[in-house]
């Protein structure tokens, strides 16, 4: 006696579901902050890293803390393609920071400390990080060569510019969305929108660095992958959106926008282990 057609259909569907589940692959990737890449004097906490990774991938992966410093990323899919996508995306992540450049006049005390020290991170008398020397993107070397306008130095044959460290710590994890575009001069750029937290912090940072009574204007350093790319002038308060400009090609801005869209990871991550089962 043949089973009813409806029963046969349900049996077949159950078999297909069971087959899909049996073929599911769980890939576990474990990361830690990469010590060989540039990092801030005030690195993000483990919880902030987990949140940034989770927000970047959404439902594609599950991020959680492992141990004291590491991040576990679990990907569940029918094959290894999705896990490879997540792994490649983390490997290609760009880091982004917004830092106000030090000024010879307005930041004379900090500049004096920086000149007296050969260290990358500048500490005040209470051993608090107040500034950092940042390498300049080689193609922008001539832009930042003016020692009257920029606090700069040369170390090991590489040009560096002094930036101030602030409590806002605006980075790529606070990017809500990003897309490749062109600036007012038609040059490659990345247009971005900040998260609500990023917008609030950007507003506070720019409002604290508006032109002074003598109309002296500060500059906002844009640091991509640990290198100073450009430093547009702060003419007024900036909130939820802006533009990243510099010595980019259109291909580079497309890659940067793809890495930042949805929020970048605040620091470079190093893959420690990979397990699939």
Protein backbone atom coordinates (compact mmCIF):
# COMPACT_ATOMS: atom_id res chain seq x y z
CA UNK A 1 0.00 0.00 0.00
CA UNK A 2 1.43 3.32 -1.05
CA UNK A 3 1.55 6.15 1.56
CA UNK A 4 -0.67 9.17 0.88
CA UNK A 5 0.92 11.81 -1.37
CA UNK A 6 0.83 14.39 1.44
CA UNK A 7 2.72 12.05 3.76
CA UNK A 8 5.25 11.35 1.04
CA UNK A 9 5.77 15.10 0.57
CA UNK A 10 6.29 15.68 4.27
CA UNK A 11 8.68 12.75 4.50
CA UNK A 12 10.69 14.06 1.54
CA UNK A 13 10.81 17.59 3.02
CA UNK A 14 11.98 16.24 6.37
CA UNK A 15 14.65 14.21 4.63
CA UNK A 16 15.86 17.27 2.73
CA UNK A 17 16.01 19.35 5.91
CA UNK A 18 17.87 16.58 7.70
CA UNK A 19 20.27 16.32 4.79
CA UNK A 20 20.94 20.08 4.85
CA UNK A 21 21.52 20.03 8.61
CA UNK A 22 23.85 17.06 8.32
CA UNK A 23 25.90 18.97 5.76
CA UNK A 24 26.12 22.17 7.85
CA UNK A 25 29.64 23.34 8.58
CA UNK A 26 30.54 25.21 11.76
CA UNK A 27 33.74 27.23 11.42
CA UNK A 28 35.31 28.79 14.49
CA UNK A 29 37.83 31.59 13.94
CA UNK A 30 39.83 32.95 16.88
CA UNK A 31 41.48 36.37 16.66
CA UNK A 32 43.52 38.70 18.83
CA UNK A 33 44.74 42.30 18.27
CA UNK A 34 47.71 42.20 15.90
CA UNK A 35 50.81 43.40 17.82
CA UNK A 36 52.74 44.01 14.58
CA UNK A 37 50.26 46.61 13.29
CA UNK A 38 49.81 50.22 14.47
CA UNK A 39 47.69 50.50 17.61
CA UNK A 40 46.39 53.33 19.72
CA UNK A 41 47.68 54.24 23.15
CA UNK A 42 44.09 53.67 24.28
CA UNK A 43 43.04 50.44 22.57
CA UNK A 44 39.38 49.36 22.55
CA UNK A 45 38.21 46.90 25.18
CA UNK A 46 37.50 43.28 24.37
CA UNK A 47 33.76 43.99 24.68
CA UNK A 48 34.03 46.86 22.18
CA UNK A 49 35.86 44.59 19.73
CA UNK A 50 33.20 41.90 20.04
CA UNK A 51 30.47 44.48 19.46
CA UNK A 52 32.26 45.91 16.40
CA UNK A 53 32.77 42.49 14.81
CA UNK A 54 29.16 41.48 15.49
CA UNK A 55 27.78 44.73 14.06
CA UNK A 56 29.97 44.43 10.96
CA UNK A 57 28.77 40.92 10.07
CA UNK A 58 25.26 40.97 11.53
CA UNK A 59 23.55 37.58 11.21
CA UNK A 60 26.36 36.10 9.11
CA UNK A 61 28.50 35.29 12.16
CA UNK A 62 28.44 35.16 15.94
CA UNK A 63 31.17 37.02 17.82
CA UNK A 64 32.05 36.46 21.47
CA UNK A 65 34.91 36.92 23.92
CA UNK A 66 37.47 34.19 24.48
CA UNK A 67 39.89 34.42 27.38
CA UNK A 68 41.07 37.90 28.31
CA UNK A 69 42.00 39.34 24.93
CA UNK A 70 40.80 37.12 22.11
CA UNK A 71 37.68 37.19 19.95
CA UNK A 72 35.85 34.07 18.78
CA UNK A 73 33.91 34.29 15.50
CA UNK A 74 31.59 31.37 14.70
CA UNK A 75 30.17 30.89 11.21
CA UNK A 76 27.50 28.27 10.49
CA UNK A 77 26.66 27.48 6.89
CA UNK A 78 26.06 24.64 4.46
CA UNK A 79 29.58 25.00 3.08
CA UNK A 80 32.86 26.78 3.73
CA UNK A 81 32.18 29.69 1.34
CA UNK A 82 30.59 31.95 3.95
CA UNK A 83 33.36 31.26 6.46
CA UNK A 84 35.96 32.12 3.81
CA UNK A 85 34.12 35.38 3.12
CA UNK A 86 34.17 36.32 6.83
CA UNK A 87 37.84 35.39 7.15
CA UNK A 88 38.84 37.34 4.02
CA UNK A 89 36.80 40.34 5.16
CA UNK A 90 38.58 40.46 8.52
CA UNK A 91 41.96 40.08 6.81
CA UNK A 92 41.19 43.05 4.53
CA UNK A 93 39.86 45.31 7.27
CA UNK A 94 41.03 48.91 7.17
CA UNK A 95 41.59 50.86 10.37
CA UNK A 96 40.47 54.47 10.55
CA UNK A 97 41.02 57.22 13.11
CA UNK A 98 40.14 60.89 13.32
CA UNK A 99 42.71 62.89 15.32
CA UNK A 100 43.27 66.63 15.67
CA UNK A 101 46.76 67.63 14.59
CA UNK A 102 49.01 69.29 17.17
CA UNK A 103 49.63 73.00 16.67
CA UNK A 104 52.98 74.66 17.42
CA UNK A 105 51.29 77.61 19.12
CA UNK A 106 48.15 76.25 20.78
CA UNK A 107 49.80 73.04 21.96
CA UNK A 108 53.24 74.39 22.83
CA UNK A 109 53.56 72.35 26.04
CA UNK A 110 52.69 69.09 24.31
CA UNK A 111 55.00 69.87 21.39
CA UNK A 112 57.86 70.53 23.80
CA UNK A 113 57.31 67.14 25.46
CA UNK A 114 57.16 65.46 22.06
CA UNK A 115 60.40 67.07 20.88
CA UNK A 116 62.18 65.98 24.05
CA UNK A 117 61.08 62.35 23.66
CA UNK A 118 61.98 59.84 20.98
CA UNK A 119 59.01 57.62 21.82
CA UNK A 120 55.98 57.21 19.57
CA UNK A 121 53.52 57.95 22.40
CA UNK A 122 53.98 61.26 24.21
CA UNK A 123 53.24 61.25 27.97
CA UNK A 124 52.59 64.25 30.16
CA UNK A 125 54.06 64.76 33.64
CA UNK A 126 51.42 62.45 35.10
CA UNK A 127 52.33 59.73 32.58
CA UNK A 128 49.05 60.18 30.72
CA UNK A 129 49.16 59.71 26.90
CA UNK A 130 48.53 63.11 25.31
CA UNK A 131 49.87 62.81 21.77
CA UNK A 132 51.27 60.38 19.22
CA UNK A 133 53.67 60.57 16.29
CA UNK A 134 51.94 59.14 13.21
CA UNK A 135 53.76 58.07 10.02
CA UNK A 136 52.71 59.95 6.91
CA UNK A 137 51.38 58.15 3.86
CA UNK A 138 54.41 58.31 1.48
CA UNK A 139 52.42 59.92 -1.33
CA UNK A 140 51.38 62.72 1.06
CA UNK A 141 54.92 63.40 2.28
CA UNK A 142 55.22 66.75 0.50
CA UNK A 143 51.83 67.89 1.85
CA UNK A 144 52.99 67.60 5.46
CA UNK A 145 56.56 68.86 4.94
CA UNK A 146 55.75 72.43 6.08
CA UNK A 147 57.19 72.61 9.62
CA UNK A 148 55.46 75.96 10.25
CA UNK A 149 52.02 74.48 9.68
CA UNK A 150 52.61 70.96 10.97
CA UNK A 151 54.52 69.55 13.95
CA UNK A 152 56.62 67.01 12.10
CA UNK A 153 59.81 65.00 12.33
CA UNK A 154 61.76 62.36 10.44
CA UNK A 155 62.50 59.05 12.13
CA UNK A 156 64.32 56.18 10.43
CA UNK A 157 63.87 57.99 7.12
CA UNK A 158 60.10 58.23 7.52
CA UNK A 159 58.07 61.43 7.89
CA UNK A 160 55.85 61.67 10.97
CA UNK A 161 53.31 64.23 12.20
CA UNK A 162 52.20 64.79 15.79
CA UNK A 163 48.50 64.25 16.56
CA UNK A 164 46.67 64.83 19.83
CA UNK A 165 45.06 61.97 21.73
CA UNK A 166 41.55 62.71 22.94
CA UNK A 167 38.85 60.98 24.95
CA UNK A 168 36.48 60.71 21.97
CA UNK A 169 38.56 58.07 20.16
CA UNK A 170 36.56 58.29 16.93
CA UNK A 171 37.43 55.30 14.74
CA UNK A 172 36.15 53.15 11.92
CA UNK A 173 33.87 51.15 14.21
CA UNK A 174 31.67 54.27 14.43
CA UNK A 175 31.01 54.35 10.68
CA UNK A 176 27.37 53.55 9.92
CA UNK A 177 27.80 53.49 6.14
CA UNK A 178 30.43 54.43 3.58
CA UNK A 179 30.64 54.66 -0.21
CA UNK A 180 33.23 55.67 -2.76
CA UNK A 181 32.69 59.15 -4.17
CA UNK A 182 34.54 62.21 -5.45
CA UNK A 183 35.31 65.44 -3.61
CA UNK A 184 34.58 68.98 -4.83
CA UNK A 185 37.72 68.83 -6.98
CA UNK A 186 36.70 65.57 -8.60
CA UNK A 187 39.33 63.60 -6.70
CA UNK A 188 38.67 60.12 -5.21
CA UNK A 189 37.06 60.23 -1.76
CA UNK A 190 34.91 58.22 0.61
CA UNK A 191 31.61 59.68 1.83
CA UNK A 192 30.55 58.33 5.21
CA UNK A 193 27.82 58.55 7.82
CA UNK A 194 28.53 58.04 11.51
CA UNK A 195 26.58 56.05 14.07
CA UNK A 196 24.68 58.09 16.71
CA UNK A 197 27.56 57.56 19.16
CA UNK A 198 30.11 58.54 16.52
CA UNK A 199 28.11 61.64 15.59
CA UNK A 200 27.93 62.78 19.20
CA UNK A 201 31.66 62.27 19.68
CA UNK A 202 32.52 64.01 16.42
CA UNK A 203 30.36 66.97 17.46
CA UNK A 204 32.15 67.21 20.79
CA UNK A 205 35.61 66.89 19.24
CA UNK A 206 35.05 69.51 16.54
CA UNK A 207 33.25 71.94 18.88
CA UNK A 208 36.28 71.85 21.17
CA UNK A 209 38.59 72.68 18.23
CA UNK A 210 36.83 75.53 16.43
CA UNK A 211 38.76 78.55 15.06
CA UNK A 212 40.11 80.77 17.86
CA UNK A 213 39.72 84.55 18.24
CA UNK A 214 42.55 85.10 15.78
CA UNK A 215 40.77 82.80 13.33
CA UNK A 216 43.54 80.22 13.61
CA UNK A 217 42.09 76.94 12.42
CA UNK A 218 42.90 73.42 13.47
CA UNK A 219 43.09 70.40 11.19
CA UNK A 220 41.49 67.02 11.53
CA UNK A 221 43.93 64.25 10.74
CA UNK A 222 42.50 61.25 8.87
CA UNK A 223 44.58 58.19 9.68
CA UNK A 224 44.06 55.11 7.50
CA UNK A 225 45.84 51.88 8.46
CA UNK A 226 48.06 53.76 10.89
CA UNK A 227 49.21 56.40 8.39
CA UNK A 228 48.20 60.05 8.10
CA UNK A 229 46.47 60.42 4.76
CA UNK A 230 45.04 63.94 4.89
CA UNK A 231 44.13 66.72 7.32
CA UNK A 232 41.18 68.88 6.29
CA UNK A 233 40.60 72.15 8.14
CA UNK A 234 37.98 72.26 10.89
CA UNK A 235 35.82 75.22 9.88
CA UNK A 236 32.82 74.40 12.07
CA UNK A 237 31.11 71.64 13.99
CA UNK A 238 30.77 68.28 12.27
CA UNK A 239 28.20 65.72 13.32
CA UNK A 240 26.87 62.68 11.55
CA UNK A 241 28.52 62.73 8.13
CA UNK A 242 31.68 63.71 6.34
CA UNK A 243 34.19 62.88 3.66
CA UNK A 244 37.56 61.11 3.70
CA UNK A 245 39.97 62.66 1.23
CA UNK A 246 43.64 62.14 0.56
CA UNK A 247 46.08 60.74 -1.97
CA UNK A 248 43.83 57.89 -3.07
CA UNK A 249 43.03 56.26 -6.38
CA UNK A 250 39.41 55.41 -7.21
CA UNK A 251 40.22 51.72 -6.72
CA UNK A 252 41.60 52.46 -3.24
CA UNK A 253 38.55 54.48 -2.21
CA UNK A 254 36.30 51.64 -3.41
CA UNK A 255 38.22 49.16 -1.24
CA UNK A 256 38.28 51.53 1.73
CA UNK A 257 34.55 52.18 1.47
CA UNK A 258 33.83 48.44 1.30
CA UNK A 259 35.95 47.84 4.40
CA UNK A 260 34.33 50.67 6.36
CA UNK A 261 30.72 50.17 5.30
CA UNK A 262 28.73 48.90 8.25
CA UNK A 263 31.52 49.75 10.67
CA UNK A 264 35.18 48.80 10.55
CA UNK A 265 36.99 46.88 13.26
CA UNK A 266 38.76 49.46 15.51
CA UNK A 267 42.13 47.64 15.52
CA UNK A 268 43.79 45.12 13.17
CA UNK A 269 43.11 41.49 14.12
CA UNK A 270 45.43 38.52 13.76
CA UNK A 271 44.01 35.06 13.06
CA UNK A 272 45.17 32.65 15.79
CA UNK A 273 43.26 29.49 14.91
CA UNK A 274 40.68 28.12 12.48
CA UNK A 275 38.59 25.03 13.07
CA UNK A 276 35.84 23.60 10.90
CA UNK A 277 33.59 20.69 11.82
